[in-house]
Amino acid sequence: MRFLAAAAVLALPLCAQATLVKAQYAWGYASPDGQGKGTLNILLDPATGRTIVELQGLGERLLLLEGNPRDGFRLQIPRREVDQRAISLAGLNLPFLPRLGSPEGLYKLLTLGEAEGVKVTGRDKDGPVKMRYQGRDENGKELTVWLTRTRWERG
């Protein structure tokens, strides 16, 4: 019986009682194809799953993701002429970021530093300040992404 109660608690969305998060990160990456840097801006409303992720590099929008679990998500990557829609984040491949799968996955990344290939290298009272992601790009080439939190707001 205890197992069933624990399983029921784990089945609840992780961020169901969490507050709105606005975050900004200095972003940098290196891969065999090159390197770059820029800014990653995120707005996440855990109550609704509303998600906005914008990746800027040298004054150019590299990626815009917006949506929610009820209406679906839209991913735009102007440089690659990508404009995709999916009912869940799991249906979209976000370049330079780990597979998040859902707004809950993004919330875990922001607040706990948990995602496949992610290592936290600095923390404060709000969670991870510096993170490093080791993964592969859409062509299977290894890449490293560094995130350093520069702004954090809740509520």
C-alpha atoms as a PDB file:
ATOM      1  CA  MET A   1       0.000   0.000   0.000  1.00  0.00           C
ATOM      2  CA  ARG A   2       2.845   2.412   0.772  1.00  0.00           C
ATOM      3  CA  PHE A   3       4.300   1.697  -2.661  1.00  0.00           C
ATOM      4  CA  LEU A   4       1.029   2.714  -4.347  1.00  0.00           C
ATOM      5  CA  ALA A   5       0.841   5.964  -2.367  1.00  0.00           C
ATOM      6  CA  ALA A   6       4.441   6.808  -3.261  1.00  0.00           C
ATOM      7  CA  ALA A   7       3.767   5.994  -6.931  1.00  0.00           C
ATOM      8  CA  ALA A   8       0.710   8.275  -6.914  1.00  0.00           C
ATOM      9  CA  VAL A   9       2.800  11.169  -5.567  1.00  0.00           C
ATOM     10  CA  LEU A  10       5.478  10.564  -8.206  1.00  0.00           C
ATOM     11  CA  ALA A  11       2.819  10.542 -10.935  1.00  0.00           C
ATOM     12  CA  LEU A  12       1.840  14.147 -10.161  1.00  0.00           C
ATOM     13  CA  PRO A  13       3.528  16.735 -12.385  1.00  0.00           C
ATOM     14  CA  LEU A  14       6.748  17.861 -10.722  1.00  0.00           C
ATOM     15  CA  CYS A  15       5.990  21.523 -11.144  1.00  0.00           C
ATOM     16  CA  ALA A  16       2.247  21.503 -10.389  1.00  0.00           C
ATOM     17  CA  GLN A  17       2.715  23.678  -7.286  1.00  0.00           C
ATOM     18  CA  ALA A  18       5.775  25.621  -8.438  1.00  0.00           C
ATOM     19  CA  THR A  19       5.716  29.290  -9.406  1.00  0.00           C
ATOM     20  CA  LEU A  20       6.460  31.040 -12.679  1.00  0.00           C
ATOM     21  CA  VAL A  21      10.138  31.084 -13.608  1.00  0.00           C
ATOM     22  CA  LYS A  22      11.876  33.699 -15.749  1.00  0.00           C
ATOM     23  CA  ALA A  23      15.517  32.935 -16.382  1.00  0.00           C
ATOM     24  CA  GLN A  24      18.329  34.192 -18.548  1.00  0.00           C
ATOM     25  CA  TYR A  25      21.591  32.382 -19.242  1.00  0.00           C
ATOM     26  CA  ALA A  26      24.820  33.280 -20.945  1.00  0.00           C
ATOM     27  CA  TRP A  27      25.153  30.484 -23.454  1.00  0.00           C
ATOM     28  CA  GLY A  28      28.154  29.109 -25.300  1.00  0.00           C
ATOM     29  CA  TYR A  29      28.847  26.016 -27.339  1.00  0.00           C
ATOM     30  CA  ALA A  30      31.681  24.206 -29.072  1.00  0.00           C
ATOM     31  CA  SER A  31      31.494  21.426 -31.635  1.00  0.00           C
ATOM     32  CA  PRO A  32      33.646  20.136 -34.501  1.00  0.00           C
ATOM     33  CA  ASP A  33      31.628  22.435 -36.791  1.00  0.00           C
ATOM     34  CA  GLY A  34      32.406  25.594 -34.816  1.00  0.00           C
ATOM     35  CA  GLN A  35      31.652  27.543 -31.695  1.00  0.00           C
ATOM     36  CA  GLY A  36      29.380  30.344 -30.608  1.00  0.00           C
ATOM     37  CA  LYS A  37      27.868  32.243 -27.753  1.00  0.00           C
ATOM     38  CA  GLY A  38      24.770  34.183 -26.951  1.00  0.00           C
ATOM     39  CA  THR A  39      21.831  34.384 -24.583  1.00  0.00           C
ATOM     40  CA  LEU A  40      19.185  31.854 -23.609  1.00  0.00           C
ATOM     41  CA  ASN A  41      15.909  33.354 -22.305  1.00  0.00           C
ATOM     42  CA  ILE A  42      13.269  31.174 -20.677  1.00  0.00           C
ATOM     43  CA  LEU A  43       9.780  31.742 -19.327  1.00  0.00           C
ATOM     44  CA  LEU A  44       8.077  28.742 -17.749  1.00  0.00           C
ATOM     45  CA  ASP A  45       4.713  28.712 -16.004  1.00  0.00           C
ATOM     46  CA  PRO A  46       4.612  25.356 -14.221  1.00  0.00           C
ATOM     47  CA  ALA A  47       0.898  25.639 -13.419  1.00  0.00           C
ATOM     48  CA  THR A  48      -0.096  25.652 -17.111  1.00  0.00           C
ATOM     49  CA  GLY A  49       3.050  24.324 -18.762  1.00  0.00           C
ATOM     50  CA  ARG A  50       3.326  27.543 -20.775  1.00  0.00           C
ATOM     51  CA  THR A  51       6.849  27.561 -22.136  1.00  0.00           C
ATOM     52  CA  ILE A  52       8.857  30.133 -24.064  1.00  0.00           C
ATOM     53  CA  VAL A  53      12.497  29.484 -24.897  1.00  0.00           C
ATOM     54  CA  GLU A  54      14.463  31.943 -27.013  1.00  0.00           C
ATOM     55  CA  LEU A  55      18.078  31.428 -28.029  1.00  0.00           C
ATOM     56  CA  GLN A  56      19.938  34.492 -29.308  1.00  0.00           C
ATOM     57  CA  GLY A  57      23.401  34.485 -30.821  1.00  0.00           C
ATOM     58  CA  LEU A  58      25.225  37.643 -31.878  1.00  0.00           C
ATOM     59  CA  GLY A  59      22.032  39.671 -32.262  1.00  0.00           C
ATOM     60  CA  GLU A  60      20.251  36.948 -34.223  1.00  0.00           C
ATOM     61  CA  ARG A  61      17.388  34.766 -33.011  1.00  0.00           C
ATOM     62  CA  LEU A  62      18.626  31.213 -33.435  1.00  0.00           C
ATOM     63  CA  LEU A  63      15.632  29.441 -31.909  1.00  0.00           C
ATOM     64  CA  LEU A  64      12.159  30.226 -30.595  1.00  0.00           C
ATOM     65  CA  LEU A  65      10.050  27.626 -28.839  1.00  0.00           C
ATOM     66  CA  GLU A  66       6.634  28.479 -27.455  1.00  0.00           C
ATOM     67  CA  GLY A  67       3.519  26.664 -26.403  1.00  0.00           C
ATOM     68  CA  ASN A  68       1.885  24.567 -23.724  1.00  0.00           C
ATOM     69  CA  PRO A  69       0.793  20.945 -23.279  1.00  0.00           C
ATOM     70  CA  ARG A  70      -2.863  21.754 -24.008  1.00  0.00           C
ATOM     71  CA  ASP A  71      -2.351  23.517 -27.361  1.00  0.00           C
ATOM     72  CA  GLY A  72       0.997  22.041 -28.387  1.00  0.00           C
ATOM     73  CA  PHE A  73       4.381  23.593 -29.078  1.00  0.00           C
ATOM     74  CA  ARG A  74       5.896  25.464 -32.000  1.00  0.00           C
ATOM     75  CA  LEU A  75       9.614  25.453 -32.750  1.00  0.00           C
ATOM     76  CA  GLN A  76      11.135  27.985 -35.122  1.00  0.00           C
ATOM     77  CA  ILE A  77      14.770  27.968 -36.221  1.00  0.00           C
ATOM     78  CA  PRO A  78      15.012  30.751 -38.828  1.00  0.00           C
ATOM     79  CA  ARG A  79      18.543  30.007 -40.045  1.00  0.00           C
ATOM     80  CA  ARG A  80      17.533  26.419 -40.886  1.00  0.00           C
ATOM     81  CA  GLU A  81      14.050  27.364 -42.145  1.00  0.00           C
ATOM     82  CA  VAL A  82      12.495  25.125 -39.480  1.00  0.00           C
ATOM     83  CA  ASP A  83       8.915  25.771 -38.386  1.00  0.00           C
ATOM     84  CA  GLN A  84       7.567  22.689 -36.603  1.00  0.00           C
ATOM     85  CA  ARG A  85       4.623  21.975 -34.361  1.00  0.00           C
ATOM     86  CA  ALA A  86       4.151  19.089 -31.946  1.00  0.00           C
ATOM     87  CA  ILE A  87       1.693  18.211 -29.192  1.00  0.00           C
ATOM     88  CA  SER A  88       4.576  17.659 -26.739  1.00  0.00           C
ATOM     89  CA  LEU A  89       8.154  18.809 -26.292  1.00  0.00           C
ATOM     90  CA  ALA A  90       9.211  15.200 -26.802  1.00  0.00           C
ATOM     91  CA  GLY A  91       8.190  15.595 -30.456  1.00  0.00           C
ATOM     92  CA  LEU A  92      10.681  18.415 -31.060  1.00  0.00           C
ATOM     93  CA  ASN A  93      14.448  18.243 -31.328  1.00  0.00           C
ATOM     94  CA  LEU A  94      15.882  21.380 -29.729  1.00  0.00           C
ATOM     95  CA  PRO A  95      19.411  22.048 -30.986  1.00  0.00           C
ATOM     96  CA  PHE A  96      22.080  22.819 -28.352  1.00  0.00           C
ATOM     97  CA  LEU A  97      19.820  21.595 -25.520  1.00  0.00           C
ATOM     98  CA  PRO A  98      19.270  18.182 -23.922  1.00  0.00           C
ATOM     99  CA  ARG A  99      16.081  16.258 -24.680  1.00  0.00           C
ATOM    100  CA  LEU A 100      13.659  17.720 -22.150  1.00  0.00           C
ATOM    101  CA  GLY A 101      10.459  15.937 -23.152  1.00  0.00           C
ATOM    102  CA  SER A 102       8.070  18.238 -21.286  1.00  0.00           C
ATOM    103  CA  PRO A 103       7.772  21.495 -19.337  1.00  0.00           C
ATOM    104  CA  GLU A 104       8.472  19.377 -16.240  1.00  0.00           C
ATOM    105  CA  GLY A 105      11.766  18.324 -17.827  1.00  0.00           C
ATOM    106  CA  LEU A 106      12.652  21.974 -18.445  1.00  0.00           C
ATOM    107  CA  TYR A 107      11.701  22.813 -14.861  1.00  0.00           C
ATOM    108  CA  LYS A 108      14.002  20.043 -13.588  1.00  0.00           C
ATOM    109  CA  LEU A 109      16.819  21.395 -15.728  1.00  0.00           C
ATOM    110  CA  LEU A 110      16.381  24.944 -14.421  1.00  0.00           C
ATOM    111  CA  THR A 111      15.847  24.143 -10.744  1.00  0.00           C
ATOM    112  CA  LEU A 112      17.795  20.914 -10.218  1.00  0.00           C
ATOM    113  CA  GLY A 113      20.199  20.712 -13.135  1.00  0.00           C
ATOM    114  CA  GLU A 114      18.752  17.333 -14.074  1.00  0.00           C
ATOM    115  CA  ALA A 115      18.758  16.261 -17.713  1.00  0.00           C
ATOM    116  CA  GLU A 116      20.645  13.678 -19.708  1.00  0.00           C
ATOM    117  CA  GLY A 117      24.230  14.802 -20.305  1.00  0.00           C
ATOM    118  CA  VAL A 118      24.003  17.802 -17.933  1.00  0.00           C
ATOM    119  CA  LYS A 119      26.488  18.444 -15.152  1.00  0.00           C
ATOM    120  CA  VAL A 120      26.031  21.241 -12.607  1.00  0.00           C
ATOM    121  CA  THR A 121      29.292  23.090 -11.898  1.00  0.00           C
ATOM    122  CA  GLY A 122      27.917  25.873  -9.674  1.00  0.00           C
ATOM    123  CA  ARG A 123      24.884  26.353  -7.413  1.00  0.00           C
ATOM    124  CA  ASP A 124      23.231  28.952  -5.209  1.00  0.00           C
ATOM    125  CA  LYS A 125      20.048  29.008  -3.092  1.00  0.00           C
ATOM    126  CA  ASP A 126      17.877  29.062  -6.258  1.00  0.00           C
ATOM    127  CA  GLY A 127      19.548  26.070  -7.875  1.00  0.00           C
ATOM    128  CA  PRO A 128      22.105  25.577 -10.636  1.00  0.00           C
ATOM    129  CA  VAL A 129      24.015  28.681 -11.697  1.00  0.00           C
ATOM    130  CA  LYS A 130      26.491  26.998 -14.041  1.00  0.00           C
ATOM    131  CA  MET A 131      25.758  23.909 -16.102  1.00  0.00           C
ATOM    132  CA  ARG A 132      27.525  22.009 -18.842  1.00  0.00           C
ATOM    133  CA  TYR A 133      25.761  19.809 -21.364  1.00  0.00           C
ATOM    134  CA  GLN A 134      27.669  17.123 -23.285  1.00  0.00           C
ATOM    135  CA  GLY A 135      25.638  15.713 -26.140  1.00  0.00           C
ATOM    136  CA  ARG A 136      25.344  15.257 -29.871  1.00  0.00           C
ATOM    137  CA  ASP A 137      23.933  17.533 -32.537  1.00  0.00           C
ATOM    138  CA  GLU A 138      21.385  16.476 -35.167  1.00  0.00           C
ATOM    139  CA  ASN A 139      24.255  15.088 -37.298  1.00  0.00           C
ATOM    140  CA  GLY A 140      25.572  12.936 -34.465  1.00  0.00           C
ATOM    141  CA  LYS A 141      28.633  15.097 -33.802  1.00  0.00           C
ATOM    142  CA  GLU A 142      29.659  15.731 -30.198  1.00  0.00           C
ATOM    143  CA  LEU A 143      29.032  19.173 -28.765  1.00  0.00           C
ATOM    144  CA  THR A 144      29.457  20.927 -25.455  1.00  0.00           C
ATOM    145  CA  VAL A 145      27.145  23.681 -24.248  1.00  0.00           C
ATOM    146  CA  TRP A 146      27.827  25.935 -21.248  1.00  0.00           C
ATOM    147  CA  LEU A 147      25.047  27.787 -19.427  1.00  0.00           C
ATOM    148  CA  THR A 148      25.669  30.450 -16.785  1.00  0.00           C
ATOM    149  CA  ARG A 149      22.576  31.930 -15.138  1.00  0.00           C
ATOM    150  CA  THR A 150      22.578  35.733 -15.284  1.00  0.00           C
ATOM    151  CA  ARG A 151      18.988  36.430 -14.244  1.00  0.00           C
ATOM    152  CA  TRP A 152      16.436  34.527 -12.163  1.00  0.00           C
ATOM    153  CA  GLU A 153      12.913  35.562 -11.184  1.00  0.00           C
ATOM    154  CA  ARG A 154      10.118  33.549  -9.618  1.00  0.00           C
ATOM    155  CA  GLY A 155       6.461  34.301  -9.165  1.00  0.00           C
END
